[in-house]
Amino acid sequence: MELSLGVKVLLLITCILFSMLVAIGAGWLSHKPGARKRDGVLVGGCTFGSSLTLCLLVLTSLGVL
């Protein structure tokens, strides 16, 4: 499947936004009352990286990117 550069950029931006939403949710769910906020940020950052990697890997394996 041959997509134009603009469509590929839009797919990349969509993957980044989806990964940000997943990371925000994971950081929010992992935060415990009285705990340090940096622990929630660390969980969110790790979740963002793994989620973005997974999204890009799936799109690349399908031949979209």
C-alpha atoms as a PDB file:
ATOM      1  CA  MET A   1       0.000   0.000   0.000  1.00  0.00           C
ATOM      2  CA  GLU A   2       1.575   3.246  -1.110  1.00  0.00           C
ATOM      3  CA  LEU A   3       0.369   6.232   0.893  1.00  0.00           C
ATOM      4  CA  SER A   4       1.450   9.823   0.450  1.00  0.00           C
ATOM      5  CA  LEU A   5       3.789  11.519   2.894  1.00  0.00           C
ATOM      6  CA  GLY A   6       0.978  13.639   4.337  1.00  0.00           C
ATOM      7  CA  VAL A   7      -1.105  10.578   5.201  1.00  0.00           C
ATOM      8  CA  LYS A   8       1.909   8.903   6.818  1.00  0.00           C
ATOM      9  CA  VAL A   9       2.547  12.001   8.938  1.00  0.00           C
ATOM     10  CA  LEU A  10      -1.102  12.047  10.014  1.00  0.00           C
ATOM     11  CA  LEU A  11      -0.876   8.388  11.003  1.00  0.00           C
ATOM     12  CA  LEU A  12       2.271   9.106  13.004  1.00  0.00           C
ATOM     13  CA  ILE A  13       0.610  12.023  14.798  1.00  0.00           C
ATOM     14  CA  THR A  14      -2.419   9.825  15.519  1.00  0.00           C
ATOM     15  CA  CYS A  15      -0.147   7.158  17.026  1.00  0.00           C
ATOM     16  CA  ILE A  16       1.565   9.765  19.203  1.00  0.00           C
ATOM     17  CA  LEU A  17      -1.750  11.184  20.445  1.00  0.00           C
ATOM     18  CA  PHE A  18      -3.134   7.720  21.157  1.00  0.00           C
ATOM     19  CA  SER A  19       0.020   6.824  23.087  1.00  0.00           C
ATOM     20  CA  MET A  20      -0.260  10.053  25.077  1.00  0.00           C
ATOM     21  CA  LEU A  21      -3.823   9.215  26.064  1.00  0.00           C
ATOM     22  CA  VAL A  22      -2.805   5.718  27.132  1.00  0.00           C
ATOM     23  CA  ALA A  23       0.139   7.134  29.119  1.00  0.00           C
ATOM     24  CA  ILE A  24      -2.043   9.711  30.884  1.00  0.00           C
ATOM     25  CA  GLY A  25      -4.511   6.997  31.834  1.00  0.00           C
ATOM     26  CA  ALA A  26      -1.782   4.677  33.092  1.00  0.00           C
ATOM     27  CA  GLY A  27      -0.134   7.425  35.126  1.00  0.00           C
ATOM     28  CA  TRP A  28      -3.462   8.438  36.605  1.00  0.00           C
ATOM     29  CA  LEU A  29      -4.387   4.849  37.483  1.00  0.00           C
ATOM     30  CA  SER A  30      -0.995   4.124  39.045  1.00  0.00           C
ATOM     31  CA  HIS A  31      -1.015   7.199  41.289  1.00  0.00           C
ATOM     32  CA  LYS A  32      -1.747   6.429  44.920  1.00  0.00           C
ATOM     33  CA  PRO A  33      -2.772   9.038  47.503  1.00  0.00           C
ATOM     34  CA  GLY A  34       0.240  10.182  49.489  1.00  0.00           C
ATOM     35  CA  ALA A  35       2.719   8.784  46.966  1.00  0.00           C
ATOM     36  CA  ARG A  36       5.211  10.856  45.032  1.00  0.00           C
ATOM     37  CA  LYS A  37       4.006  12.266  41.740  1.00  0.00           C
ATOM     38  CA  ARG A  38       7.202  11.298  39.955  1.00  0.00           C
ATOM     39  CA  ASP A  39       6.276   7.619  40.286  1.00  0.00           C
ATOM     40  CA  GLY A  40       3.107   8.222  38.276  1.00  0.00           C
ATOM     41  CA  VAL A  41       5.067  10.223  35.710  1.00  0.00           C
ATOM     42  CA  LEU A  42       7.597   7.401  35.405  1.00  0.00           C
ATOM     43  CA  VAL A  43       4.847   4.849  34.802  1.00  0.00           C
ATOM     44  CA  GLY A  44       3.225   7.154  32.242  1.00  0.00           C
ATOM     45  CA  GLY A  45       6.516   7.703  30.434  1.00  0.00           C
ATOM     46  CA  CYS A  46       7.265   4.006  30.213  1.00  0.00           C
ATOM     47  CA  THR A  47       3.730   3.332  29.025  1.00  0.00           C
ATOM     48  CA  PHE A  48       4.030   6.053  26.381  1.00  0.00           C
ATOM     49  CA  GLY A  49       7.231   4.565  25.010  1.00  0.00           C
ATOM     50  CA  SER A  50       5.941   1.031  24.875  1.00  0.00           C
ATOM     51  CA  SER A  51       2.567   2.026  23.443  1.00  0.00           C
ATOM     52  CA  LEU A  52       4.126   4.157  20.707  1.00  0.00           C
ATOM     53  CA  THR A  53       6.554   1.371  19.835  1.00  0.00           C
ATOM     54  CA  LEU A  54       3.708  -1.126  19.606  1.00  0.00           C
ATOM     55  CA  CYS A  55       1.572   1.173  17.407  1.00  0.00           C
ATOM     56  CA  LEU A  56       4.434   1.880  15.019  1.00  0.00           C
ATOM     57  CA  LEU A  57       5.430  -1.778  14.912  1.00  0.00           C
ATOM     58  CA  VAL A  58       1.902  -2.832  13.957  1.00  0.00           C
ATOM     59  CA  LEU A  59       1.603  -0.163  11.266  1.00  0.00           C
ATOM     60  CA  THR A  60       5.014  -1.047   9.866  1.00  0.00           C
ATOM     61  CA  SER A  61       4.241  -4.763   9.783  1.00  0.00           C
ATOM     62  CA  LEU A  62       0.996  -4.040   7.920  1.00  0.00           C
ATOM     63  CA  GLY A  63       2.981  -2.051   5.360  1.00  0.00           C
ATOM     64  CA  VAL A  64       1.282   1.262   6.061  1.00  0.00           C
ATOM     65  CA  LEU A  65       4.410   3.156   7.144  1.00  0.00           C
END
